[in-house]
């Protein structure tokens, strides 16, 4: 049994596979994943490092918890992550300060 493969479409490197809206949605999904992971105390390579003793004390005095480490007191930093650059092939996240 023979298999015949033929090509009847444009070169793959010329076919538009994503749109700006696709990339925007990917950026929003990445933002959500970063937000959830960080809030749960996880970094990209495992648990976030402990706060320094001084910062842990200051955070507790400000009404926050020092455990688990989740980089959140007011939530402003994680909430400021946004899509900063977008086109039909790339998306970049950054902070909207």
PDB file of N, CA and C in Angstrom:
ATOM      1  N   UNK A   1       0.842  -1.171   0.000  1.00  0.00           N
ATOM      2  CA  UNK A   1       0.000   0.000   0.000  1.00  0.00           C
ATOM      3  C   UNK A   1       0.894   1.243   0.000  1.00  0.00           C
ATOM      4  N   UNK A   2       0.673   2.110  -0.940  1.00  0.00           N
ATOM      5  CA  UNK A   2       1.453   3.330  -1.075  1.00  0.00           C
ATOM      6  C   UNK A   2       0.683   4.506  -0.484  1.00  0.00           C
ATOM      7  N   UNK A   3       1.437   5.440   0.013  1.00  0.00           N
ATOM      8  CA  UNK A   3       0.855   6.677   0.529  1.00  0.00           C
ATOM      9  C   UNK A   3       1.355   7.806  -0.342  1.00  0.00           C
ATOM     10  N   UNK A   4       0.444   8.598  -0.832  1.00  0.00           N
ATOM     11  CA  UNK A   4       0.810   9.728  -1.679  1.00  0.00           C
ATOM     12  C   UNK A   4       0.464  11.002  -0.929  1.00  0.00           C
ATOM     13  N   UNK A   5       1.451  11.860  -0.808  1.00  0.00           N
ATOM     14  CA  UNK A   5       1.261  13.137  -0.136  1.00  0.00           C
ATOM     15  C   UNK A   5       1.453  14.227  -1.169  1.00  0.00           C
ATOM     16  N   UNK A   6       0.473  15.098  -1.264  1.00  0.00           N
ATOM     17  CA  UNK A   6       0.616  16.220  -2.181  1.00  0.00           C
ATOM     18  C   UNK A   6       0.242  17.496  -1.444  1.00  0.00           C
ATOM     19  N   UNK A   7       0.723  18.585  -1.974  1.00  0.00           N
ATOM     20  CA  UNK A   7       0.480  19.875  -1.351  1.00  0.00           C
ATOM     21  C   UNK A   7      -0.344  20.714  -2.306  1.00  0.00           C
ATOM     22  N   UNK A   8      -1.474  21.202  -1.815  1.00  0.00           N
ATOM     23  CA  UNK A   8      -2.295  22.068  -2.652  1.00  0.00           C
ATOM     24  C   UNK A   8      -2.673  23.346  -1.893  1.00  0.00           C
ATOM     25  N   UNK A   9      -1.748  23.834  -1.104  1.00  0.00           N
ATOM     26  CA  UNK A   9      -1.964  25.057  -0.347  1.00  0.00           C
ATOM     27  C   UNK A   9      -0.676  25.877  -0.385  1.00  0.00           C
ATOM     28  N   UNK A  10      -0.769  27.086   0.115  1.00  0.00           N
ATOM     29  CA  UNK A  10       0.384  27.988   0.101  1.00  0.00           C
ATOM     30  C   UNK A  10       1.486  27.474   1.037  1.00  0.00           C
ATOM     31  N   UNK A  11       2.654  28.026   0.899  1.00  0.00           N
ATOM     32  CA  UNK A  11       3.749  27.684   1.806  1.00  0.00           C
ATOM     33  C   UNK A  11       3.280  27.940   3.237  1.00  0.00           C
ATOM     34  N   UNK A  12       3.612  27.039   4.147  1.00  0.00           N
ATOM     35  CA  UNK A  12       3.148  27.168   5.529  1.00  0.00           C
ATOM     36  C   UNK A  12       3.624  28.457   6.193  1.00  0.00           C
ATOM     37  N   UNK A  13       4.810  28.938   5.820  1.00  0.00           N
ATOM     38  CA  UNK A  13       5.302  30.162   6.442  1.00  0.00           C
ATOM     39  C   UNK A  13       4.584  31.414   5.926  1.00  0.00           C
ATOM     40  N   UNK A  14       3.703  31.247   4.954  1.00  0.00           N
ATOM     41  CA  UNK A  14       2.937  32.401   4.468  1.00  0.00           C
ATOM     42  C   UNK A  14       1.471  32.363   4.911  1.00  0.00           C
ATOM     43  N   UNK A  15       1.068  31.271   5.541  1.00  0.00           N
ATOM     44  CA  UNK A  15      -0.325  31.149   5.990  1.00  0.00           C
ATOM     45  C   UNK A  15      -0.478  31.826   7.346  1.00  0.00           C
ATOM     46  N   UNK A  16      -1.435  32.690   7.447  1.00  0.00           N
ATOM     47  CA  UNK A  16      -1.710  33.397   8.698  1.00  0.00           C
ATOM     48  C   UNK A  16      -2.443  32.444   9.645  1.00  0.00           C
ATOM     49  N   UNK A  17      -1.796  32.080  10.743  1.00  0.00           N
ATOM     50  CA  UNK A  17      -2.359  31.102  11.665  1.00  0.00           C
ATOM     51  C   UNK A  17      -3.075  31.731  12.856  1.00  0.00           C
ATOM     52  N   UNK A  18      -2.716  32.953  13.191  1.00  0.00           N
ATOM     53  CA  UNK A  18      -3.343  33.630  14.332  1.00  0.00           C
ATOM     54  C   UNK A  18      -3.724  35.053  13.951  1.00  0.00           C
ATOM     55  N   UNK A  19      -4.627  35.598  14.717  1.00  0.00           N
ATOM     56  CA  UNK A  19      -5.042  36.993  14.542  1.00  0.00           C
ATOM     57  C   UNK A  19      -4.665  37.773  15.805  1.00  0.00           C
ATOM     58  N   UNK A  20      -4.794  39.063  15.713  1.00  0.00           N
ATOM     59  CA  UNK A  20      -4.537  39.909  16.873  1.00  0.00           C
ATOM     60  C   UNK A  20      -5.478  39.530  18.017  1.00  0.00           C
ATOM     61  N   UNK A  21      -6.726  39.231  17.708  1.00  0.00           N
ATOM     62  CA  UNK A  21      -7.681  38.829  18.745  1.00  0.00           C
ATOM     63  C   UNK A  21      -7.279  37.499  19.371  1.00  0.00           C
ATOM     64  N   UNK A  22      -6.791  36.547  18.565  1.00  0.00           N
ATOM     65  CA  UNK A  22      -6.291  35.281  19.111  1.00  0.00           C
ATOM     66  C   UNK A  22      -5.177  35.554  20.123  1.00  0.00           C
ATOM     67  N   UNK A  23      -4.245  36.398  19.739  1.00  0.00           N
ATOM     68  CA  UNK A  23      -3.110  36.691  20.615  1.00  0.00           C
ATOM     69  C   UNK A  23      -3.564  37.425  21.873  1.00  0.00           C
ATOM     70  N   UNK A  24      -4.563  38.275  21.748  1.00  0.00           N
ATOM     71  CA  UNK A  24      -5.100  38.961  22.927  1.00  0.00           C
ATOM     72  C   UNK A  24      -5.679  37.946  23.902  1.00  0.00           C
ATOM     73  N   UNK A  25      -6.428  36.992  23.399  1.00  0.00           N
ATOM     74  CA  UNK A  25      -7.005  35.953  24.254  1.00  0.00           C
ATOM     75  C   UNK A  25      -5.915  35.102  24.915  1.00  0.00           C
ATOM     76  N   UNK A  26      -4.860  34.800  24.171  1.00  0.00           N
ATOM     77  CA  UNK A  26      -3.732  34.058  24.739  1.00  0.00           C
ATOM     78  C   UNK A  26      -3.086  34.867  25.856  1.00  0.00           C
ATOM     79  N   UNK A  27      -2.935  36.161  25.654  1.00  0.00           N
ATOM     80  CA  UNK A  27      -2.372  37.030  26.680  1.00  0.00           C
ATOM     81  C   UNK A  27      -3.227  37.049  27.939  1.00  0.00           C
ATOM     82  N   UNK A  28      -4.548  37.118  27.765  1.00  0.00           N
ATOM     83  CA  UNK A  28      -5.444  37.114  28.919  1.00  0.00           C
ATOM     84  C   UNK A  28      -5.371  35.785  29.666  1.00  0.00           C
ATOM     85  N   UNK A  29      -5.258  34.684  28.921  1.00  0.00           N
ATOM     86  CA  UNK A  29      -5.110  33.374  29.567  1.00  0.00           C
ATOM     87  C   UNK A  29      -3.791  33.280  30.332  1.00  0.00           C
ATOM     88  N   UNK A  30      -2.729  33.803  29.752  1.00  0.00           N
ATOM     89  CA  UNK A  30      -1.433  33.794  30.434  1.00  0.00           C
ATOM     90  C   UNK A  30      -1.490  34.646  31.698  1.00  0.00           C
ATOM     91  N   UNK A  31      -2.139  35.807  31.621  1.00  0.00           N
ATOM     92  CA  UNK A  31      -2.296  36.677  32.792  1.00  0.00           C
ATOM     93  C   UNK A  31      -3.036  35.948  33.900  1.00  0.00           C
ATOM     94  N   UNK A  32      -4.109  35.282  33.548  1.00  0.00           N
ATOM     95  CA  UNK A  32      -4.900  34.550  34.539  1.00  0.00           C
ATOM     96  C   UNK A  32      -4.079  33.431  35.168  1.00  0.00           C
ATOM     97  N   UNK A  33      -3.297  32.740  34.357  1.00  0.00           N
ATOM     98  CA  UNK A  33      -2.463  31.649  34.883  1.00  0.00           C
ATOM     99  C   UNK A  33      -1.408  32.187  35.844  1.00  0.00           C
ATOM    100  N   UNK A  34      -0.762  33.288  35.489  1.00  0.00           N
ATOM    101  CA  UNK A  34       0.230  33.917  36.368  1.00  0.00           C
ATOM    102  C   UNK A  34      -0.436  34.342  37.672  1.00  0.00           C
ATOM    103  N   UNK A  35      -1.593  34.969  37.581  1.00  0.00           N
ATOM    104  CA  UNK A  35      -2.312  35.466  38.751  1.00  0.00           C
ATOM    105  C   UNK A  35      -2.655  34.307  39.692  1.00  0.00           C
ATOM    106  N   UNK A  36      -3.247  33.248  39.162  1.00  0.00           N
ATOM    107  CA  UNK A  36      -3.637  32.103  39.995  1.00  0.00           C
ATOM    108  C   UNK A  36      -2.429  31.400  40.612  1.00  0.00           C
ATOM    109  N   UNK A  37      -1.392  31.219  39.807  1.00  0.00           N
ATOM    110  CA  UNK A  37      -0.198  30.537  40.307  1.00  0.00           C
ATOM    111  C   UNK A  37       0.440  31.341  41.437  1.00  0.00           C
ATOM    112  N   UNK A  38       0.576  32.635  41.237  1.00  0.00           N
ATOM    113  CA  UNK A  38       1.212  33.474  42.245  1.00  0.00           C
ATOM    114  C   UNK A  38       0.376  33.536  43.517  1.00  0.00           C
ATOM    115  N   UNK A  39      -0.924  33.712  43.377  1.00  0.00           N
ATOM    116  CA  UNK A  39      -1.809  33.759  44.552  1.00  0.00           C
ATOM    117  C   UNK A  39      -1.764  32.461  45.356  1.00  0.00           C
ATOM    118  N   UNK A  40      -1.454  31.340  44.694  1.00  0.00           N
ATOM    119  CA  UNK A  40      -1.379  30.064  45.401  1.00  0.00           C
ATOM    120  C   UNK A  40       0.000  29.823  46.019  1.00  0.00           C
ATOM    121  N   UNK A  41       0.923  30.788  45.837  1.00  0.00           N
ATOM    122  CA  UNK A  41       2.250  30.664  46.440  1.00  0.00           C
ATOM    123  C   UNK A  41       3.266  29.939  45.587  1.00  0.00           C
ATOM    124  N   UNK A  42       2.941  29.749  44.308  1.00  0.00           N
ATOM    125  CA  UNK A  42       3.837  29.028  43.415  1.00  0.00           C
ATOM    126  C   UNK A  42       4.501  29.974  42.413  1.00  0.00           C
ATOM    127  N   UNK A  43       5.767  29.724  42.157  1.00  0.00           N
ATOM    128  CA  UNK A  43       6.492  30.413  41.096  1.00  0.00           C
ATOM    129  C   UNK A  43       6.588  29.489  39.899  1.00  0.00           C
ATOM    130  N   UNK A  44       7.390  29.848  38.938  1.00  0.00           N
ATOM    131  CA  UNK A  44       7.528  29.006  37.747  1.00  0.00           C
ATOM    132  C   UNK A  44       8.304  27.727  38.027  1.00  0.00           C
ATOM    133  N   UNK A  45       9.084  27.726  39.105  1.00  0.00           N
ATOM    134  CA  UNK A  45       9.903  26.554  39.418  1.00  0.00           C
ATOM    135  C   UNK A  45       9.609  25.991  40.805  1.00  0.00           C
ATOM    136  N   UNK A  46       8.403  26.175  41.286  1.00  0.00           N
ATOM    137  CA  UNK A  46       8.035  25.641  42.595  1.00  0.00           C
ATOM    138  C   UNK A  46       7.585  26.749  43.527  1.00  0.00           C
ATOM    139  N   UNK A  47       7.540  26.448  44.832  1.00  0.00           N
ATOM    140  CA  UNK A  47       7.061  27.450  45.796  1.00  0.00           C
ATOM    141  C   UNK A  47       7.905  28.727  45.767  1.00  0.00           C
ATOM    142  N   UNK A  48       7.239  29.852  45.992  1.00  0.00           N
ATOM    143  CA  UNK A  48       7.955  31.123  46.074  1.00  0.00           C
ATOM    144  C   UNK A  48       8.848  31.120  47.310  1.00  0.00           C
ATOM    145  N   UNK A  49       9.975  31.806  47.214  1.00  0.00           N
ATOM    146  CA  UNK A  49      10.912  31.887  48.341  1.00  0.00           C
ATOM    147  C   UNK A  49      10.247  32.622  49.510  1.00  0.00           C
ATOM    148  N   UNK A  50      10.608  32.270  50.740  1.00  0.00           N
ATOM    149  CA  UNK A  50      10.010  32.941  51.901  1.00  0.00           C
ATOM    150  C   UNK A  50      10.319  34.436  51.899  1.00  0.00           C
ATOM    151  N   UNK A  51       9.416  35.203  52.502  1.00  0.00           N
ATOM    152  CA  UNK A  51       9.688  36.624  52.706  1.00  0.00           C
ATOM    153  C   UNK A  51      10.852  36.764  53.676  1.00  0.00           C
ATOM    154  N   UNK A  52      11.576  37.858  53.567  1.00  0.00           N
ATOM    155  CA  UNK A  52      12.595  38.124  54.582  1.00  0.00           C
ATOM    156  C   UNK A  52      11.884  38.347  55.905  1.00  0.00           C
ATOM    157  N   UNK A  53      12.542  38.080  57.030  1.00  0.00           N
ATOM    158  CA  UNK A  53      11.879  38.266  58.329  1.00  0.00           C
ATOM    159  C   UNK A  53      11.314  39.675  58.518  1.00  0.00           C
ATOM    160  N   UNK A  54      12.067  40.677  58.105  1.00  0.00           N
ATOM    161  CA  UNK A  54      11.598  42.057  58.254  1.00  0.00           C
ATOM    162  C   UNK A  54      10.352  42.338  57.439  1.00  0.00           C
ATOM    163  N   UNK A  55      10.334  41.856  56.192  1.00  0.00           N
ATOM    164  CA  UNK A  55       9.162  42.083  55.342  1.00  0.00           C
ATOM    165  C   UNK A  55       7.961  41.290  55.852  1.00  0.00           C
ATOM    166  N   UNK A  56       8.201  40.068  56.321  1.00  0.00           N
ATOM    167  CA  UNK A  56       7.105  39.253  56.850  1.00  0.00           C
ATOM    168  C   UNK A  56       6.439  39.959  58.031  1.00  0.00           C
ATOM    169  N   UNK A  57       7.241  40.521  58.910  1.00  0.00           N
ATOM    170  CA  UNK A  57       6.698  41.253  60.064  1.00  0.00           C
ATOM    171  C   UNK A  57       5.916  42.479  59.606  1.00  0.00           C
ATOM    172  N   UNK A  58       6.489  43.245  58.677  1.00  0.00           N
ATOM    173  CA  UNK A  58       5.808  44.440  58.173  1.00  0.00           C
ATOM    174  C   UNK A  58       4.497  44.078  57.494  1.00  0.00           C
ATOM    175  N   UNK A  59       4.481  42.986  56.734  1.00  0.00           N
ATOM    176  CA  UNK A  59       3.263  42.566  56.038  1.00  0.00           C
ATOM    177  C   UNK A  59       2.185  42.172  57.042  1.00  0.00           C
ATOM    178  N   UNK A  60       2.559  41.455  58.077  1.00  0.00           N
ATOM    179  CA  UNK A  60       1.591  41.073  59.108  1.00  0.00           C
ATOM    180  C   UNK A  60       1.037  42.296  59.829  1.00  0.00           C
ATOM    181  N   UNK A  61       1.894  43.266  60.111  1.00  0.00           N
ATOM    182  CA  UNK A  61       1.447  44.497  60.778  1.00  0.00           C
ATOM    183  C   UNK A  61       0.513  45.306  59.894  1.00  0.00           C
ATOM    184  N   UNK A  62       0.664  45.147  58.569  1.00  0.00           N
ATOM    185  CA  UNK A  62      -0.203  45.870  57.628  1.00  0.00           C
ATOM    186  C   UNK A  62      -1.501  45.116  57.367  1.00  0.00           C
ATOM    187  N   UNK A  63      -1.680  43.978  58.034  1.00  0.00           N
ATOM    188  CA  UNK A  63      -2.924  43.234  57.887  1.00  0.00           C
ATOM    189  C   UNK A  63      -2.858  42.071  56.926  1.00  0.00           C
ATOM    190  N   UNK A  64      -1.676  41.774  56.418  1.00  0.00           N
ATOM    191  CA  UNK A  64      -1.533  40.663  55.493  1.00  0.00           C
ATOM    192  C   UNK A  64      -0.982  39.435  56.187  1.00  0.00           C
ATOM    193  N   UNK A  65      -0.878  38.383  55.451  1.00  0.00           N
ATOM    194  CA  UNK A  65      -0.327  37.137  55.960  1.00  0.00           C
ATOM    195  C   UNK A  65       1.030  36.905  55.330  1.00  0.00           C
ATOM    196  N   UNK A  66       1.957  36.357  56.114  1.00  0.00           N
ATOM    197  CA  UNK A  66       3.284  36.083  55.561  1.00  0.00           C
ATOM    198  C   UNK A  66       3.396  34.659  55.039  1.00  0.00           C
ATOM    199  N   UNK A  67       2.328  33.894  55.165  1.00  0.00           N
ATOM    200  CA  UNK A  67       2.349  32.521  54.685  1.00  0.00           C
ATOM    201  C   UNK A  67       0.974  32.148  54.147  1.00  0.00           C
ATOM    202  N   UNK A  68       0.837  31.591  52.991  1.00  0.00           N
ATOM    203  CA  UNK A  68       1.937  31.315  52.064  1.00  0.00           C
ATOM    204  C   UNK A  68       2.397  32.601  51.387  1.00  0.00           C
ATOM    205  N   UNK A  69       3.611  32.578  50.906  1.00  0.00           N
ATOM    206  CA  UNK A  69       4.135  33.715  50.148  1.00  0.00           C
ATOM    207  C   UNK A  69       3.349  33.791  48.846  1.00  0.00           C
ATOM    208  N   UNK A  70       2.653  34.912  48.633  1.00  0.00           N
ATOM    209  CA  UNK A  70       1.858  35.042  47.407  1.00  0.00           C
ATOM    210  C   UNK A  70       1.992  36.415  46.755  1.00  0.00           C
ATOM    211  N   UNK A  71       2.959  37.189  47.233  1.00  0.00           N
ATOM    212  CA  UNK A  71       3.268  38.505  46.663  1.00  0.00           C
ATOM    213  C   UNK A  71       2.062  39.442  46.654  1.00  0.00           C
ATOM    214  N   UNK A  72       1.175  39.264  47.622  1.00  0.00           N
ATOM    215  CA  UNK A  72      -0.048  40.064  47.648  1.00  0.00           C
ATOM    216  C   UNK A  72      -0.261  40.687  49.020  1.00  0.00           C
ATOM    217  N   UNK A  73      -0.463  41.955  49.041  1.00  0.00           N
ATOM    218  CA  UNK A  73      -0.961  42.645  50.229  1.00  0.00           C
ATOM    219  C   UNK A  73      -2.234  43.370  49.820  1.00  0.00           C
ATOM    220  N   UNK A  74      -2.091  44.287  48.874  1.00  0.00           N
ATOM    221  CA  UNK A  74      -3.273  45.004  48.385  1.00  0.00           C
ATOM    222  C   UNK A  74      -3.846  44.373  47.125  1.00  0.00           C
ATOM    223  N   UNK A  75      -3.038  43.607  46.427  1.00  0.00           N
ATOM    224  CA  UNK A  75      -3.460  43.032  45.152  1.00  0.00           C
ATOM    225  C   UNK A  75      -3.135  43.918  43.963  1.00  0.00           C
ATOM    226  N   UNK A  76      -2.594  45.100  44.224  1.00  0.00           N
ATOM    227  CA  UNK A  76      -2.340  46.059  43.144  1.00  0.00           C
ATOM    228  C   UNK A  76      -1.341  45.535  42.115  1.00  0.00           C
ATOM    229  N   UNK A  77      -0.287  44.856  42.573  1.00  0.00           N
ATOM    230  CA  UNK A  77       0.731  44.398  41.630  1.00  0.00           C
ATOM    231  C   UNK A  77       0.160  43.369  40.651  1.00  0.00           C
ATOM    232  N   UNK A  78      -0.477  42.325  41.174  1.00  0.00           N
ATOM    233  CA  UNK A  78      -1.021  41.299  40.281  1.00  0.00           C
ATOM    234  C   UNK A  78      -2.143  41.857  39.416  1.00  0.00           C
ATOM    235  N   UNK A  79      -2.932  42.758  39.961  1.00  0.00           N
ATOM    236  CA  UNK A  79      -4.023  43.341  39.174  1.00  0.00           C
ATOM    237  C   UNK A  79      -3.515  44.287  38.089  1.00  0.00           C
ATOM    238  N   UNK A  80      -2.266  44.734  38.215  1.00  0.00           N
ATOM    239  CA  UNK A  80      -1.699  45.653  37.221  1.00  0.00           C
ATOM    240  C   UNK A  80      -1.099  44.924  36.024  1.00  0.00           C
ATOM    241  N   UNK A  81      -1.023  43.595  36.076  1.00  0.00           N
ATOM    242  CA  UNK A  81      -0.508  42.858  34.919  1.00  0.00           C
ATOM    243  C   UNK A  81      -1.525  42.967  33.793  1.00  0.00           C
ATOM    244  N   UNK A  82      -1.042  43.359  32.637  1.00  0.00           N
ATOM    245  CA  UNK A  82      -1.940  43.572  31.499  1.00  0.00           C
ATOM    246  C   UNK A  82      -1.222  43.253  30.192  1.00  0.00           C
ATOM    247  N   UNK A  83      -1.973  43.121  29.134  1.00  0.00           N
ATOM    248  CA  UNK A  83      -1.399  42.972  27.796  1.00  0.00           C
ATOM    249  C   UNK A  83      -0.858  44.336  27.394  1.00  0.00           C
ATOM    250  N   UNK A  84       0.450  44.418  27.143  1.00  0.00           N
ATOM    251  CA  UNK A  84       1.068  45.706  26.820  1.00  0.00           C
ATOM    252  C   UNK A  84       1.421  45.849  25.345  1.00  0.00           C
ATOM    253  N   UNK A  85       1.748  44.744  24.690  1.00  0.00           N
ATOM    254  CA  UNK A  85       2.089  44.760  23.264  1.00  0.00           C
ATOM    255  C   UNK A  85       1.361  43.600  22.618  1.00  0.00           C
ATOM    256  N   UNK A  86       0.765  43.867  21.468  1.00  0.00           N
ATOM    257  CA  UNK A  86       0.019  42.805  20.794  1.00  0.00           C
ATOM    258  C   UNK A  86       0.011  43.049  19.293  1.00  0.00           C
ATOM    259  N   UNK A  87       0.205  41.989  18.536  1.00  0.00           N
ATOM    260  CA  UNK A  87      -0.043  42.009  17.099  1.00  0.00           C
ATOM    261  C   UNK A  87      -0.533  40.623  16.715  1.00  0.00           C
ATOM    262  N   UNK A  88      -0.585  40.298  15.455  1.00  0.00           N
ATOM    263  CA  UNK A  88      -1.170  39.013  15.071  1.00  0.00           C
ATOM    264  C   UNK A  88      -0.228  37.829  15.269  1.00  0.00           C
ATOM    265  N   UNK A  89       0.994  38.082  15.792  1.00  0.00           N
ATOM    266  CA  UNK A  89       1.935  36.982  16.034  1.00  0.00           C
ATOM    267  C   UNK A  89       2.516  36.971  17.439  1.00  0.00           C
ATOM    268  N   UNK A  90       2.409  38.071  18.160  1.00  0.00           N
ATOM    269  CA  UNK A  90       3.014  38.144  19.486  1.00  0.00           C
ATOM    270  C   UNK A  90       2.088  38.835  20.483  1.00  0.00           C
ATOM    271  N   UNK A  91       2.312  38.491  21.735  1.00  0.00           N
ATOM    272  CA  UNK A  91       1.630  39.173  22.824  1.00  0.00           C
ATOM    273  C   UNK A  91       2.644  39.323  23.959  1.00  0.00           C
ATOM    274  N   UNK A  92       2.618  40.457  24.610  1.00  0.00           N
ATOM    275  CA  UNK A  92       3.553  40.727  25.704  1.00  0.00           C
ATOM    276  C   UNK A  92       2.761  41.223  26.889  1.00  0.00           C
ATOM    277  N   UNK A  93       3.088  40.706  28.061  1.00  0.00           N
ATOM    278  CA  UNK A  93       2.457  41.162  29.290  1.00  0.00           C
ATOM    279  C   UNK A  93       3.414  42.084  30.016  1.00  0.00           C
ATOM    280  N   UNK A  94       2.858  43.032  30.724  1.00  0.00           N
ATOM    281  CA  UNK A  94       3.657  43.960  31.525  1.00  0.00           C
ATOM    282  C   UNK A  94       2.768  44.547  32.599  1.00  0.00           C
ATOM    283  N   UNK A  95       3.254  45.600  33.217  1.00  0.00           N
ATOM    284  CA  UNK A  95       2.516  46.241  34.289  1.00  0.00           C
ATOM    285  C   UNK A  95       1.936  47.569  33.831  1.00  0.00           C
ATOM    286  N   UNK A  96       0.695  47.794  34.173  1.00  0.00           N
ATOM    287  CA  UNK A  96      -0.007  49.031  33.846  1.00  0.00           C
ATOM    288  C   UNK A  96       0.032  49.935  35.076  1.00  0.00           C
ATOM    289  N   UNK A  97       1.144  50.619  35.259  1.00  0.00           N
ATOM    290  CA  UNK A  97       1.286  51.489  36.431  1.00  0.00           C
ATOM    291  C   UNK A  97       0.897  52.880  36.101  1.00  0.00           C
TER     292      UNK A  97
END
